[in-house]
Amino acid sequence: MNGQSKITSSHRSRQAVIYLRQSTYVQVRDNTESTARQYALAEEAVRLGWAREDVMVIDADLGVSGKFGAEREGFRELVAKVCLGEVGAVFGLEVSRLARSSADFARLLELARLTDALLVDGDGIYDLADINDRLLLGLKGSMSGATRGRTMRVNSPVGGSMVKV
């Protein structure tokens, strides 16, 4: 994984939080591999040096739409822990998808920067104190938001289907 040198003893002295999310129960039911990959991030945190007892999994938002962060109990818990400085790193399959709204994602990035919490995904380890990491995650968040905005539901007499616009 890129950026392992960014992880310090200060980060490892706090919790590694694995945040799981899938927007619908259908995704949870049909995409079991994705759910398993998300749970496996706990092992990645251990491999990167966190003690197993310092790895916390937040999975309260599996099957809950991320459209409004305030409705997601798990996301609220994650943000609260980051605010309190309890988190050394937040792990997700794709950190730009941790929050569904750009505003929630921007707030999470700012809180992580202020509390020196890293963000970790399959592409790398991001330190929000580093301007390059902030820019990259901001761009990834913007791209993620743009692609979400280009998908819409089209209703038909036989049911709706998702199409790219």
Foldseek 3Di string as FASTA:
>chain_A
DPDLVLQDVLQLVAAEEQEDADAAVCCVVVVVVQVVVSVCVLVVVVVSPHDSVRYHYQHQHYGHHQPDVVVGPSLVVVQVCLQVLRHQEYEYQQLLVSHQDLVSSVSSLVSCQVSQHWYDHPVGIAGSVDPVSVVVSNVVNVVSNVQVVQWDWDADPVGIDIDGD
